[in-house]
Protein backbone atom coordinates (compact mmCIF):
# COMPACT_ATOMS: atom_id res chain seq x y z
CA MET A 1 0.09 0.00 -0.02
CA ALA A 2 2.81 2.41 0.83
CA ASP A 3 4.07 2.09 -2.83
CA VAL A 4 0.72 3.01 -4.22
CA LEU A 5 -0.01 5.89 -1.73
CA ALA A 6 3.47 7.41 -2.74
CA LEU A 7 1.97 7.91 -6.23
CA THR A 8 -1.29 9.44 -4.99
CA ASP A 9 -2.17 12.99 -5.32
CA VAL A 10 -5.78 12.99 -3.83
CA PHE A 11 -6.98 10.23 -1.40
CA LEU A 12 -10.60 10.01 -0.30
CA PRO A 13 -10.96 7.23 2.24
CA ASN A 14 -13.73 6.86 4.80
CA GLU A 15 -12.72 7.06 8.44
CA THR A 16 -12.52 3.35 8.77
CA GLU A 17 -10.26 2.98 5.68
CA ALA A 18 -8.14 5.86 6.86
CA CYS A 19 -7.61 4.36 10.35
CA ALA A 20 -6.83 0.94 9.03
CA ILE A 21 -4.39 2.16 6.26
CA ALA A 22 -2.53 4.71 8.62
CA GLN A 23 -2.70 2.02 11.48
CA LYS A 24 -4.14 4.40 13.93
CA GLN A 25 -7.29 4.13 16.12
CA ASP A 26 -8.13 7.97 15.95
CA VAL A 27 -9.44 9.48 12.70
CA GLU A 28 -7.63 12.72 13.19
CA GLN A 29 -4.35 11.02 13.70
CA ALA A 30 -4.93 8.74 10.76
CA ALA A 31 -5.69 11.79 8.56
CA ALA A 32 -2.69 13.57 9.77
CA ALA A 33 -0.43 10.53 9.21
CA LEU A 34 -1.76 10.04 5.64
CA ALA A 35 -1.29 13.71 4.86
CA GLU A 36 2.48 13.39 5.47
CA ARG A 37 2.63 11.10 2.45
CA ILE A 38 -0.18 12.38 0.23
CA PRO A 39 -0.67 15.90 -0.88
CA LEU A 40 -4.43 16.06 -0.35
CA VAL A 41 -6.29 13.69 1.95
CA VAL A 42 -10.06 13.96 2.48
CA VAL A 43 -11.67 11.66 5.13
CA LYS A 44 -15.35 11.03 4.86
CA GLN A 45 -17.04 10.83 8.10
CA GLY A 46 -20.53 9.99 7.31
CA ALA A 47 -23.11 12.08 9.32
CA ASN A 48 -20.16 14.02 10.79
CA GLY A 49 -19.18 15.27 7.34
CA ALA A 50 -15.60 15.27 6.02
CA THR A 51 -12.20 16.58 6.92
CA ALA A 52 -9.54 17.59 4.37
CA HIS A 53 -5.78 17.78 4.90
CA SER A 54 -3.58 19.61 2.40
CA GLY A 55 -0.05 20.39 3.58
CA THR A 56 -0.66 22.41 6.81
CA GLN A 57 -4.18 23.28 6.02
CA ARG A 58 -6.97 21.39 7.78
CA LEU A 59 -10.68 22.05 6.92
CA SER A 60 -13.73 20.27 8.10
CA GLN A 61 -17.19 20.37 6.50
CA PRO A 62 -20.36 19.21 8.34
CA ALA A 63 -22.77 16.90 6.53
CA LEU A 64 -26.03 18.66 5.53
CA ARG A 65 -29.16 17.97 7.69
CA VAL A 66 -31.52 15.85 5.56
CA VAL A 67 -33.82 13.06 6.07
CA VAL A 68 -31.75 9.91 5.51
CA VAL A 69 -33.32 7.04 3.84
CA ASP A 70 -30.26 5.10 2.66
CA THR A 71 -26.58 5.86 2.70
CA VAL A 72 -25.64 3.47 -0.13
CA GLY A 73 -23.40 5.38 -2.48
CA ALA A 74 -23.21 8.52 -0.35
CA GLY A 75 -19.35 8.23 -0.18
CA ASP A 76 -18.98 7.84 -3.92
CA THR A 77 -21.37 10.82 -4.39
CA PHE A 78 -19.38 12.94 -2.06
CA ASP A 79 -16.31 11.90 -4.07
CA ALA A 80 -17.89 12.89 -7.34
CA GLY A 81 -18.76 16.31 -6.08
CA PHE A 82 -15.54 16.97 -4.46
CA LEU A 83 -13.53 15.82 -7.54
CA TYR A 84 -15.70 17.98 -9.76
CA GLY A 85 -14.70 21.10 -7.79
CA TYR A 86 -11.15 19.94 -7.53
CA LEU A 87 -10.69 19.45 -11.18
CA HIS A 88 -12.24 22.75 -11.86
CA ARG A 89 -9.67 24.31 -9.53
CA TRP A 90 -11.98 25.37 -6.91
CA ASP A 91 -10.60 26.20 -3.48
CA LEU A 92 -10.55 23.43 -0.85
CA ARG A 93 -13.50 24.86 1.17
CA ARG A 94 -15.73 24.98 -1.88
CA CYS A 95 -14.79 21.50 -2.92
CA LEU A 96 -15.67 20.22 0.61
CA GLN A 97 -19.14 21.98 0.33
CA LEU A 98 -19.87 20.48 -2.81
CA GLY A 99 -18.87 17.08 -1.81
CA ALA A 100 -20.85 17.20 1.28
CA ALA A 101 -23.91 18.59 -0.52
CA CYS A 102 -23.77 15.84 -3.13
CA GLY A 103 -23.12 13.06 -0.48
CA SER A 104 -25.89 14.32 1.83
CA LEU A 105 -28.53 14.85 -0.65
CA SER A 106 -27.86 11.39 -2.23
CA THR A 107 -29.11 9.78 1.06
CA GLN A 108 -32.68 10.93 0.60
CA ALA A 109 -33.90 7.87 -1.40
CA ALA A 110 -33.19 4.21 -1.46
CA GLY A 111 -30.43 2.90 -3.69
CA GLY A 112 -26.99 4.28 -4.65
CA THR A 113 -28.01 6.69 -7.49
CA THR A 114 -31.87 7.48 -7.04
CA ALA A 115 -31.16 10.70 -5.22
CA GLN A 116 -27.95 11.74 -6.58
CA PRO A 117 -28.23 15.54 -7.23
CA THR A 118 -27.30 17.08 -10.44
CA LEU A 119 -24.61 19.78 -10.23
CA VAL A 120 -27.24 22.36 -10.76
CA GLU A 121 -29.34 20.81 -7.81
CA ALA A 122 -26.27 20.66 -5.53
CA LEU A 123 -25.17 24.29 -6.27
CA LYS A 124 -28.66 25.56 -5.68
CA PHE A 125 -28.93 23.85 -2.42
CA LEU A 126 -25.55 25.46 -1.43
CA ASN A 127 -26.32 28.80 -3.04
CA LEU A 128 -22.94 28.52 -4.74
C-alpha cells in the first residue's frame, strides 16, 4: 500500500479505511499521518461530514441535515462532487462544500443513485 500511496495526489478514504491504512485508532491521527505522504487527503465521516488535509491546511465540513433514507453510495457521490470542484480548480473549502452537499443529498432515497443530485441541484442547495 505504501508504494501506491506514494504515487497518489488525492486520497478520499472513509474514516474506517483511513484508520486501517494509517494503522491509527483515531481518525484525526490517521488523517494527519496520511497527509504526511499524500498531498491531499479527504476523510469522509458519514453524518459528521468530512475533513481535508492539504499540507498544513486542515478544513472540516459538516454533512447537511437531511432526512436519511439510505446511505448506499453517499461516499461515492461525495467523491464525485468533491472531485468536480477539484478538477475545476475550486478552493478546498468549496470542494468540501460541494462534496458534502452531493453526498448528503444522495441519502434521501433508497439505492445508490436514485437521489444523486445534479450539479445544478447541488449548487442551488448550497447557493454557490
